[in-house]
Amino acid sequence: MTTIRAEEVRIPRHAREAVARHERVVVVNHERPTFVIMHPDDTAADSPATRRGRPLREALGMLADAALPDPGFADDMEAVLADVGPAPDDPWARS
């Protein structure tokens, strides 16, 4: 963890008071969250990092339960491509 001195940054008083009340303060930049200021007592130094999303076993179970692909899908796509014609060499080139 990086530590900085308080005089190196300007934290508004209402944000300091919120942190003192153990509220998290979200700092935004260009209307997007940039980082969070929180009270040091609200985190345990030895706690594992919180992971986002689903556990791998659950995600694999969901994939295993999903519907199988349509066997005729490739044939349908070939028919569409035959009707449309060949794709351009550079699809992003100006027309």
Protein backbone atom coordinates (compact mmCIF):
# COMPACT_ATOMS: atom_id res chain seq x y z
CA MET A 1 0.00 0.00 0.00
CA THR A 2 1.24 3.48 -0.82
CA THR A 3 1.10 6.16 1.86
CA ILE A 4 0.99 9.91 1.25
CA ARG A 5 1.02 12.82 3.68
CA ALA A 6 -2.23 14.72 4.27
CA GLU A 7 -0.71 18.03 3.18
CA GLU A 8 0.01 16.55 -0.26
CA VAL A 9 -3.70 16.31 -1.11
CA ARG A 10 -6.77 18.40 -0.45
CA ILE A 11 -9.68 16.36 0.83
CA PRO A 12 -12.84 18.41 1.44
CA ARG A 13 -14.04 18.62 5.02
CA HIS A 14 -17.33 16.82 4.31
CA ALA A 15 -15.34 13.91 2.81
CA ARG A 16 -13.04 13.77 5.87
CA GLU A 17 -16.10 13.77 8.14
CA ALA A 18 -17.72 10.97 6.13
CA VAL A 19 -14.56 8.86 6.39
CA ALA A 20 -14.47 9.53 10.15
CA ARG A 21 -18.04 8.12 10.30
CA HIS A 22 -16.72 5.01 8.50
CA GLU A 23 -18.50 5.89 5.24
CA ARG A 24 -16.73 5.22 1.97
CA VAL A 25 -16.11 8.25 -0.23
CA VAL A 26 -16.05 7.64 -4.00
CA VAL A 27 -13.86 10.06 -5.96
CA VAL A 28 -15.01 10.58 -9.55
CA ASN A 29 -13.14 11.87 -12.57
CA HIS A 30 -15.07 12.69 -15.75
CA GLU A 31 -18.22 11.28 -14.08
CA ARG A 32 -16.55 7.87 -13.56
CA PRO A 33 -15.43 6.38 -10.22
CA THR A 34 -11.67 6.71 -9.87
CA PHE A 35 -10.93 5.53 -6.35
CA VAL A 36 -12.44 5.17 -2.90
CA ILE A 37 -11.34 6.79 0.34
CA MET A 38 -12.18 4.70 3.37
CA HIS A 39 -11.34 4.53 7.05
CA PRO A 40 -8.26 2.38 7.77
CA ASP A 41 -10.17 0.41 10.42
CA ASP A 42 -12.66 -0.76 7.79
CA THR A 43 -10.12 -2.98 6.04
CA ALA A 44 -8.15 -5.85 7.44
CA ALA A 45 -4.59 -5.98 6.18
CA ASP A 46 -4.61 -9.77 6.10
CA SER A 47 -8.04 -10.20 4.50
CA PRO A 48 -8.07 -11.73 1.02
CA ALA A 49 -8.98 -9.53 -1.92
CA THR A 50 -12.65 -9.57 -2.85
CA ARG A 51 -13.22 -11.28 -6.16
CA ARG A 52 -15.85 -10.11 -8.59
CA GLY A 53 -18.13 -12.37 -10.54
CA ARG A 54 -19.10 -15.97 -10.01
CA PRO A 55 -16.95 -18.79 -8.70
CA LEU A 56 -15.42 -20.85 -11.52
CA ARG A 57 -17.33 -24.01 -10.54
CA GLU A 58 -20.65 -22.15 -10.77
CA ALA A 59 -19.75 -20.55 -14.12
CA LEU A 60 -18.73 -23.92 -15.57
CA GLY A 61 -21.98 -25.44 -14.33
CA MET A 62 -23.95 -22.72 -16.09
CA LEU A 63 -22.08 -23.36 -19.33
CA ALA A 64 -22.66 -27.10 -19.03
CA ASP A 65 -26.41 -26.51 -18.57
CA ALA A 66 -26.66 -24.14 -21.56
CA ALA A 67 -28.41 -25.15 -24.76
CA LEU A 68 -26.33 -26.93 -27.37
CA PRO A 69 -25.58 -25.07 -30.60
CA ASP A 70 -27.97 -25.50 -33.49
CA PRO A 71 -26.41 -28.07 -35.87
CA GLY A 72 -27.78 -26.20 -38.89
CA PHE A 73 -26.39 -22.81 -37.85
CA ALA A 74 -23.24 -23.09 -39.97
CA ASP A 75 -25.31 -24.03 -43.02
CA ASP A 76 -27.59 -21.04 -42.42
CA MET A 77 -24.60 -18.71 -42.17
CA GLU A 78 -23.11 -20.11 -45.37
CA ALA A 79 -26.44 -19.44 -47.13
CA VAL A 80 -26.49 -15.85 -45.85
CA LEU A 81 -22.91 -15.25 -47.00
CA ALA A 82 -23.75 -16.73 -50.41
CA ASP A 83 -26.69 -14.31 -50.77
CA VAL A 84 -24.70 -11.26 -49.61
CA GLY A 85 -21.50 -11.94 -51.48
CA PRO A 86 -17.89 -11.81 -50.39
CA ALA A 87 -16.84 -9.60 -47.50
CA PRO A 88 -14.61 -6.62 -48.34
CA ASP A 89 -10.88 -6.92 -47.72
CA ASP A 90 -11.01 -3.97 -45.31
CA PRO A 91 -14.49 -3.71 -43.78
CA TRP A 92 -13.59 -0.35 -42.12
CA ALA A 93 -12.39 1.35 -45.32
CA ARG A 94 -14.36 4.33 -46.55
CA SER A 95 -16.87 3.42 -49.22
